Protein backbone atom coordinates (compact mmCIF):
# COMPACT_ATOMS: atom_id res chain seq x y z
CA MET A 1 -0.12 0.12 0.06
CA THR A 2 1.10 3.67 -0.89
CA VAL A 3 0.23 6.31 1.54
CA THR A 4 1.18 9.97 1.45
CA LEU A 5 1.80 11.62 4.61
CA ASP A 6 2.14 15.35 5.49
CA LEU A 7 4.57 15.36 8.47
CA PRO A 8 5.23 18.58 10.40
CA PRO A 9 9.20 19.16 9.51
CA GLN A 10 11.08 18.40 12.33
CA VAL A 11 9.61 14.71 12.04
CA GLU A 12 10.29 14.61 8.44
CA GLN A 13 13.89 15.84 9.66
CA ALA A 14 14.15 12.98 12.21
CA TYR A 15 13.41 10.43 10.06
CA LEU A 16 15.87 11.84 7.07
CA ALA A 17 18.46 11.98 9.61
CA GLU A 18 17.40 8.43 10.75
CA ALA A 19 17.40 7.40 7.23
CA LEU A 20 20.96 8.74 6.27
CA ALA A 21 22.72 7.27 9.46
CA ARG A 22 21.35 3.94 8.98
CA GLY A 23 22.05 3.98 5.09
CA LEU A 24 18.56 3.11 4.67
CA PRO A 25 15.67 5.18 2.34
CA LEU A 26 13.37 7.39 4.04
CA ALA A 27 10.32 5.25 3.30
CA GLU A 28 11.75 2.32 4.73
CA VAL A 29 12.69 3.90 7.88
CA VAL A 30 8.80 5.02 8.52
CA ARG A 31 7.57 1.66 7.33
CA GLU A 32 9.36 -0.12 10.23
CA ALA A 33 8.33 2.98 12.50
CA LEU A 34 4.94 2.25 11.46
CA ILE A 35 5.11 -1.38 11.80
CA THR A 36 6.68 -1.39 15.17
CA ALA A 37 3.87 1.31 16.52
CA GLN A 38 1.18 -0.97 14.99
CA PRO A 39 -1.95 -0.92 17.14
CA SER A 40 -3.37 -3.85 18.88
CA PRO A 41 -6.31 -5.84 17.62
CA ALA A 42 -9.41 -4.21 19.00
CA PHE A 43 -10.88 -5.05 22.07
CA ARG A 44 -13.83 -7.54 21.57
CA GLU A 45 -16.51 -8.34 24.18
CA LEU A 46 -17.22 -11.67 25.19
CA GLU A 47 -20.55 -13.29 25.83
CA PRO A 48 -20.28 -14.53 29.27
CA GLU A 49 -20.37 -18.09 28.99
CA GLU A 50 -17.16 -17.34 27.02
CA TRP A 51 -15.62 -15.18 29.44
CA VAL A 52 -16.34 -17.65 31.91
CA ARG A 53 -14.87 -20.77 29.11
CA GLU A 54 -11.60 -18.57 28.97
CA PHE A 55 -11.83 -17.57 32.70
CA GLU A 56 -11.44 -21.35 33.64
CA ALA A 57 -8.92 -22.17 30.89
CA TRP A 58 -6.42 -20.19 32.45
CA VAL A 59 -7.06 -20.84 35.87
CA HIS A 60 -6.48 -24.58 35.00
CA SER A 61 -3.30 -23.15 32.67
CA HIS A 62 -1.30 -22.95 36.41
CA ASP A 63 -2.64 -26.41 37.46
CA ALA A 64 1.16 -27.57 37.66
CA ASP A 65 2.62 -24.31 38.97
CA ASN A 66 2.36 -26.16 42.78
CA LEU A 67 -0.46 -24.22 44.26
CA PRO A 68 -2.11 -23.83 46.85
CA LEU A 69 1.09 -22.22 48.78
CA SER A 70 1.05 -22.91 52.09
CA ASP A 71 1.03 -20.44 54.85
CA GLU A 72 4.48 -20.65 55.38
CA ASP A 73 5.23 -19.78 51.76
CA ILE A 74 3.59 -16.51 52.20
CA SER A 75 4.28 -15.77 55.49
CA ARG A 76 6.38 -12.05 55.91
CA GLU A 77 9.07 -13.71 56.96
CA SER A 78 9.33 -16.01 53.99
CA ILE A 79 8.70 -13.05 51.72
CA TYR A 80 11.03 -10.64 53.12
CA GLY A 81 13.67 -12.75 55.58
CA ASP A 82 16.25 -10.43 57.27
CA ARG A 83 15.47 -6.92 55.33
CA GLY A 84 12.70 -6.73 58.20
CA LEU A 85 10.14 -5.12 56.18
């Protein structure tokens, strides 16, 4: 796809300087910047049943994490040790 952009002069100069420093065409530097800054996919609303399925799948993905932790594992002394926080 070809896109024509009207950039402020300081932005254009910054991309030109980077292109020259990297020995790349200006279009490639701008293309890389746009790909890097690509927005994430739009959030989609889940139906309640689908949300519950996704949540339960996430919960069960932690089954091998050696849980539950004992009271000793989560005690203040166990977490902070000699730091006394």
